[in-house]
Amino acid sequence: MQWTCAFAGSPKRLINVGLSVVLVALLGCTAPEGNRKMQIEVDVFSGRPNPHWQLTEQESNEFVQRFQSLPPSSGEGTLKEGLGYRGLIVSVPGKEIEGFQEIVISNGLVVARQDNQPQKFVDKNRVLEKWLFQTGKGRLDNQLYRQISGSIE
């Protein structure tokens, strides 16, 4: 039995492909930090999955800039609980955002979590929450978008 190979007669090509495979294996095949796809989850439902969308790279970069400009909280404020809209949860599956596993934005408070160690920041007048929520326009159900939009204005 004779094996046929697409690389037959081209050892140089076979070596180049082999080296490429080795480089990918050694260096990994992950996207650079700037290409992170942030997922925004609207914490609104109980008993069924919450709606979510992904930010574009430009929106992700703007989110990071806005997040980094927030002042630390001196402890005042609480995350909204109960039924209905509770806030937004920002994550990058399998990665961190500025050293945090997830960032929860709710009711003028931003809680960034790393290994169950929360750090709190102030979102004065809910500017970050409003900006982030508006990125969901056209990505969320229109009726849900209007309902929540009215509650955070």
C-alpha atoms as a PDB file:
ATOM      1  CA  MET A   1       0.000   0.000   0.000  1.00  0.00           C
ATOM      2  CA  GLN A   2       1.333   3.395  -0.930  1.00  0.00           C
ATOM      3  CA  TRP A   3       0.328   6.556   0.964  1.00  0.00           C
ATOM      4  CA  THR A   4      -0.290   9.762  -0.934  1.00  0.00           C
ATOM      5  CA  CYS A   5       0.430  13.088   0.618  1.00  0.00           C
ATOM      6  CA  ALA A   6      -0.438  16.613  -0.414  1.00  0.00           C
ATOM      7  CA  PHE A   7       3.162  17.528   0.428  1.00  0.00           C
ATOM      8  CA  ALA A   8       4.731  14.840  -1.737  1.00  0.00           C
ATOM      9  CA  GLY A   9       7.646  16.210  -3.663  1.00  0.00           C
ATOM     10  CA  SER A  10       7.862  19.323  -1.460  1.00  0.00           C
ATOM     11  CA  PRO A  11       9.878  18.613   1.698  1.00  0.00           C
ATOM     12  CA  LYS A  12      10.444  22.346   2.238  1.00  0.00           C
ATOM     13  CA  ARG A  13       6.687  22.928   2.427  1.00  0.00           C
ATOM     14  CA  LEU A  14       6.288  20.037   4.848  1.00  0.00           C
ATOM     15  CA  ILE A  15       9.010  21.496   7.097  1.00  0.00           C
ATOM     16  CA  ASN A  16       7.363  24.963   7.038  1.00  0.00           C
ATOM     17  CA  VAL A  17       3.994  23.508   8.028  1.00  0.00           C
ATOM     18  CA  GLY A  18       5.634  21.450  10.775  1.00  0.00           C
ATOM     19  CA  LEU A  19       7.436  24.504  12.158  1.00  0.00           C
ATOM     20  CA  SER A  20       4.197  26.491  12.109  1.00  0.00           C
ATOM     21  CA  VAL A  21       2.418  23.791  14.106  1.00  0.00           C
ATOM     22  CA  VAL A  22       5.269  23.702  16.642  1.00  0.00           C
ATOM     23  CA  LEU A  23       5.249  27.522  17.015  1.00  0.00           C
ATOM     24  CA  VAL A  24       1.496  27.613  17.602  1.00  0.00           C
ATOM     25  CA  ALA A  25       1.836  24.853  20.189  1.00  0.00           C
ATOM     26  CA  LEU A  26       4.706  26.597  21.983  1.00  0.00           C
ATOM     27  CA  LEU A  27       3.394  30.148  21.870  1.00  0.00           C
ATOM     28  CA  GLY A  28      -0.268  29.339  22.242  1.00  0.00           C
ATOM     29  CA  CYS A  29      -3.081  30.470  20.086  1.00  0.00           C
ATOM     30  CA  THR A  30      -4.713  33.163  22.153  1.00  0.00           C
ATOM     31  CA  ALA A  31      -5.951  36.527  21.063  1.00  0.00           C
ATOM     32  CA  PRO A  32      -3.951  39.538  22.214  1.00  0.00           C
ATOM     33  CA  GLU A  33      -5.345  41.344  25.252  1.00  0.00           C
ATOM     34  CA  GLY A  34      -6.664  44.136  23.037  1.00  0.00           C
ATOM     35  CA  ASN A  35      -8.935  41.676  21.218  1.00  0.00           C
ATOM     36  CA  ARG A  36     -10.877  40.602  24.287  1.00  0.00           C
ATOM     37  CA  LYS A  37     -14.585  40.065  23.706  1.00  0.00           C
ATOM     38  CA  MET A  38     -16.391  41.419  26.729  1.00  0.00           C
ATOM     39  CA  GLN A  39     -19.757  39.902  27.466  1.00  0.00           C
ATOM     40  CA  ILE A  40     -22.435  42.057  29.059  1.00  0.00           C
ATOM     41  CA  GLU A  41     -25.190  40.236  30.925  1.00  0.00           C
ATOM     42  CA  VAL A  42     -28.324  42.029  32.043  1.00  0.00           C
ATOM     43  CA  ASP A  43     -29.133  40.718  35.520  1.00  0.00           C
ATOM     44  CA  VAL A  44     -32.900  40.826  35.221  1.00  0.00           C
ATOM     45  CA  PHE A  45     -34.537  37.397  35.199  1.00  0.00           C
ATOM     46  CA  SER A  46     -35.052  34.765  37.837  1.00  0.00           C
ATOM     47  CA  GLY A  47     -35.530  31.219  36.656  1.00  0.00           C
ATOM     48  CA  ARG A  48     -34.459  31.741  33.047  1.00  0.00           C
ATOM     49  CA  PRO A  49     -31.250  32.833  31.325  1.00  0.00           C
ATOM     50  CA  ASN A  50     -30.423  36.519  31.382  1.00  0.00           C
ATOM     51  CA  PRO A  51     -29.980  38.306  28.046  1.00  0.00           C
ATOM     52  CA  HIS A  52     -26.433  39.201  27.032  1.00  0.00           C
ATOM     53  CA  TRP A  53     -24.367  40.639  24.195  1.00  0.00           C
ATOM     54  CA  GLN A  54     -20.725  41.168  23.316  1.00  0.00           C
ATOM     55  CA  LEU A  55     -19.003  44.512  23.075  1.00  0.00           C
ATOM     56  CA  THR A  56     -16.988  45.400  20.014  1.00  0.00           C
ATOM     57  CA  GLU A  57     -13.245  45.858  20.482  1.00  0.00           C
ATOM     58  CA  GLN A  58     -13.707  49.644  20.470  1.00  0.00           C
ATOM     59  CA  GLU A  59     -16.512  49.445  23.052  1.00  0.00           C
ATOM     60  CA  SER A  60     -14.394  47.095  25.193  1.00  0.00           C
ATOM     61  CA  ASN A  61     -11.497  49.540  25.154  1.00  0.00           C
ATOM     62  CA  GLU A  62     -13.805  52.416  26.065  1.00  0.00           C
ATOM     63  CA  PHE A  63     -15.285  50.377  28.907  1.00  0.00           C
ATOM     64  CA  VAL A  64     -11.801  49.753  30.331  1.00  0.00           C
ATOM     65  CA  GLN A  65     -10.975  53.483  30.153  1.00  0.00           C
ATOM     66  CA  ARG A  66     -14.224  54.415  31.876  1.00  0.00           C
ATOM     67  CA  PHE A  67     -13.789  51.691  34.515  1.00  0.00           C
ATOM     68  CA  GLN A  68     -10.214  52.791  35.281  1.00  0.00           C
ATOM     69  CA  SER A  69     -11.395  56.369  35.884  1.00  0.00           C
ATOM     70  CA  LEU A  70     -13.868  55.401  38.629  1.00  0.00           C
ATOM     71  CA  PRO A  71     -12.992  56.506  42.164  1.00  0.00           C
ATOM     72  CA  PRO A  72     -12.857  53.847  44.882  1.00  0.00           C
ATOM     73  CA  SER A  73     -15.900  53.580  47.130  1.00  0.00           C
ATOM     74  CA  SER A  74     -15.574  54.209  50.834  1.00  0.00           C
ATOM     75  CA  GLY A  75     -18.100  51.460  51.443  1.00  0.00           C
ATOM     76  CA  GLU A  76     -21.393  53.240  50.857  1.00  0.00           C
ATOM     77  CA  GLY A  77     -23.937  51.836  48.436  1.00  0.00           C
ATOM     78  CA  THR A  78     -25.244  48.363  47.762  1.00  0.00           C
ATOM     79  CA  LEU A  79     -25.951  46.287  44.712  1.00  0.00           C
ATOM     80  CA  LYS A  80     -29.626  46.120  43.855  1.00  0.00           C
ATOM     81  CA  GLU A  81     -31.341  42.864  44.813  1.00  0.00           C
ATOM     82  CA  GLY A  82     -34.801  41.372  44.373  1.00  0.00           C
ATOM     83  CA  LEU A  83     -36.964  40.997  41.309  1.00  0.00           C
ATOM     84  CA  GLY A  84     -36.548  42.930  38.079  1.00  0.00           C
ATOM     85  CA  TYR A  85     -33.491  44.725  36.767  1.00  0.00           C
ATOM     86  CA  ARG A  86     -30.555  44.393  39.168  1.00  0.00           C
ATOM     87  CA  GLY A  87     -27.643  45.600  37.042  1.00  0.00           C
ATOM     88  CA  LEU A  88     -25.044  44.595  34.470  1.00  0.00           C
ATOM     89  CA  ILE A  89     -22.395  41.908  34.747  1.00  0.00           C
ATOM     90  CA  VAL A  90     -19.247  42.305  32.649  1.00  0.00           C
ATOM     91  CA  SER A  91     -16.976  39.343  31.967  1.00  0.00           C
ATOM     92  CA  VAL A  92     -14.586  37.895  29.431  1.00  0.00           C
ATOM     93  CA  PRO A  93     -15.014  34.130  29.414  1.00  0.00           C
ATOM     94  CA  GLY A  94     -11.729  32.497  30.413  1.00  0.00           C
ATOM     95  CA  LYS A  95      -9.941  35.840  30.905  1.00  0.00           C
ATOM     96  CA  GLU A  96      -9.754  38.757  33.291  1.00  0.00           C
ATOM     97  CA  ILE A  97     -10.653  42.408  32.906  1.00  0.00           C
ATOM     98  CA  GLU A  98      -7.959  44.576  34.439  1.00  0.00           C
ATOM     99  CA  GLY A  99      -7.185  41.799  36.914  1.00  0.00           C
ATOM    100  CA  PHE A 100     -10.814  41.030  37.797  1.00  0.00           C
ATOM    101  CA  GLN A 101     -12.906  37.970  36.925  1.00  0.00           C
ATOM    102  CA  GLU A 102     -16.139  39.912  36.680  1.00  0.00           C
ATOM    103  CA  ILE A 103     -17.419  43.421  37.197  1.00  0.00           C
ATOM    104  CA  VAL A 104     -20.952  44.081  38.444  1.00  0.00           C
ATOM    105  CA  ILE A 105     -22.492  47.497  37.855  1.00  0.00           C
ATOM    106  CA  SER A 106     -25.652  48.372  39.753  1.00  0.00           C
ATOM    107  CA  ASN A 107     -27.353  51.329  41.344  1.00  0.00           C
ATOM    108  CA  GLY A 108     -24.333  53.670  41.272  1.00  0.00           C
ATOM    109  CA  LEU A 109     -21.943  51.042  42.583  1.00  0.00           C
ATOM    110  CA  VAL A 110     -19.362  48.988  40.694  1.00  0.00           C
ATOM    111  CA  VAL A 111     -18.075  45.819  42.347  1.00  0.00           C
ATOM    112  CA  ALA A 112     -15.067  44.178  40.717  1.00  0.00           C
ATOM    113  CA  ARG A 113     -14.413  40.639  41.930  1.00  0.00           C
ATOM    114  CA  GLN A 114     -11.217  38.598  42.016  1.00  0.00           C
ATOM    115  CA  ASP A 115     -11.235  35.305  43.923  1.00  0.00           C
ATOM    116  CA  ASN A 116     -14.261  36.426  45.984  1.00  0.00           C
ATOM    117  CA  GLN A 117     -12.394  39.575  47.045  1.00  0.00           C
ATOM    118  CA  PRO A 118     -14.558  42.519  45.980  1.00  0.00           C
ATOM    119  CA  GLN A 119     -13.297  46.000  45.289  1.00  0.00           C
ATOM    120  CA  LYS A 120     -15.912  48.734  45.165  1.00  0.00           C
ATOM    121  CA  PHE A 121     -15.991  51.833  42.991  1.00  0.00           C
ATOM    122  CA  VAL A 122     -18.413  54.744  42.684  1.00  0.00           C
ATOM    123  CA  ASP A 123     -20.409  55.161  39.468  1.00  0.00           C
ATOM    124  CA  LYS A 124     -21.633  58.699  40.129  1.00  0.00           C
ATOM    125  CA  ASN A 125     -25.021  59.352  38.556  1.00  0.00           C
ATOM    126  CA  ARG A 126     -24.774  55.838  37.056  1.00  0.00           C
ATOM    127  CA  VAL A 127     -22.800  57.211  34.104  1.00  0.00           C
ATOM    128  CA  LEU A 128     -20.920  53.962  33.425  1.00  0.00           C
ATOM    129  CA  GLU A 129     -24.061  51.851  33.844  1.00  0.00           C
ATOM    130  CA  LYS A 130     -26.059  54.072  31.445  1.00  0.00           C
ATOM    131  CA  TRP A 131     -23.289  54.131  28.852  1.00  0.00           C
ATOM    132  CA  LEU A 132     -22.786  50.371  29.021  1.00  0.00           C
ATOM    133  CA  PHE A 133     -26.509  49.636  28.882  1.00  0.00           C
ATOM    134  CA  GLN A 134     -26.976  51.797  25.782  1.00  0.00           C
ATOM    135  CA  THR A 135     -24.466  49.581  23.933  1.00  0.00           C
ATOM    136  CA  GLY A 136     -27.184  46.917  24.133  1.00  0.00           C
ATOM    137  CA  LYS A 137     -29.611  48.939  22.003  1.00  0.00           C
ATOM    138  CA  GLY A 138     -30.401  46.849  18.950  1.00  0.00           C
ATOM    139  CA  ARG A 139     -28.821  43.804  20.622  1.00  0.00           C
ATOM    140  CA  LEU A 140     -31.516  43.302  23.255  1.00  0.00           C
ATOM    141  CA  ASP A 141     -35.241  42.782  22.830  1.00  0.00           C
ATOM    142  CA  ASN A 142     -36.678  46.272  22.158  1.00  0.00           C
ATOM    143  CA  GLN A 143     -39.429  46.035  24.783  1.00  0.00           C
ATOM    144  CA  LEU A 144     -36.980  44.866  27.464  1.00  0.00           C
ATOM    145  CA  TYR A 145     -34.515  47.590  26.457  1.00  0.00           C
ATOM    146  CA  ARG A 146     -37.167  50.328  26.811  1.00  0.00           C
ATOM    147  CA  GLN A 147     -38.397  48.967  30.147  1.00  0.00           C
ATOM    148  CA  ILE A 148     -34.923  48.834  31.702  1.00  0.00           C
ATOM    149  CA  SER A 149     -33.825  52.092  30.114  1.00  0.00           C
ATOM    150  CA  GLY A 150     -36.674  53.865  31.904  1.00  0.00           C
ATOM    151  CA  SER A 151     -35.623  52.430  35.248  1.00  0.00           C
ATOM    152  CA  ILE A 152     -31.993  53.613  35.069  1.00  0.00           C
ATOM    153  CA  GLU A 153     -32.608  57.131  33.746  1.00  0.00           C
END
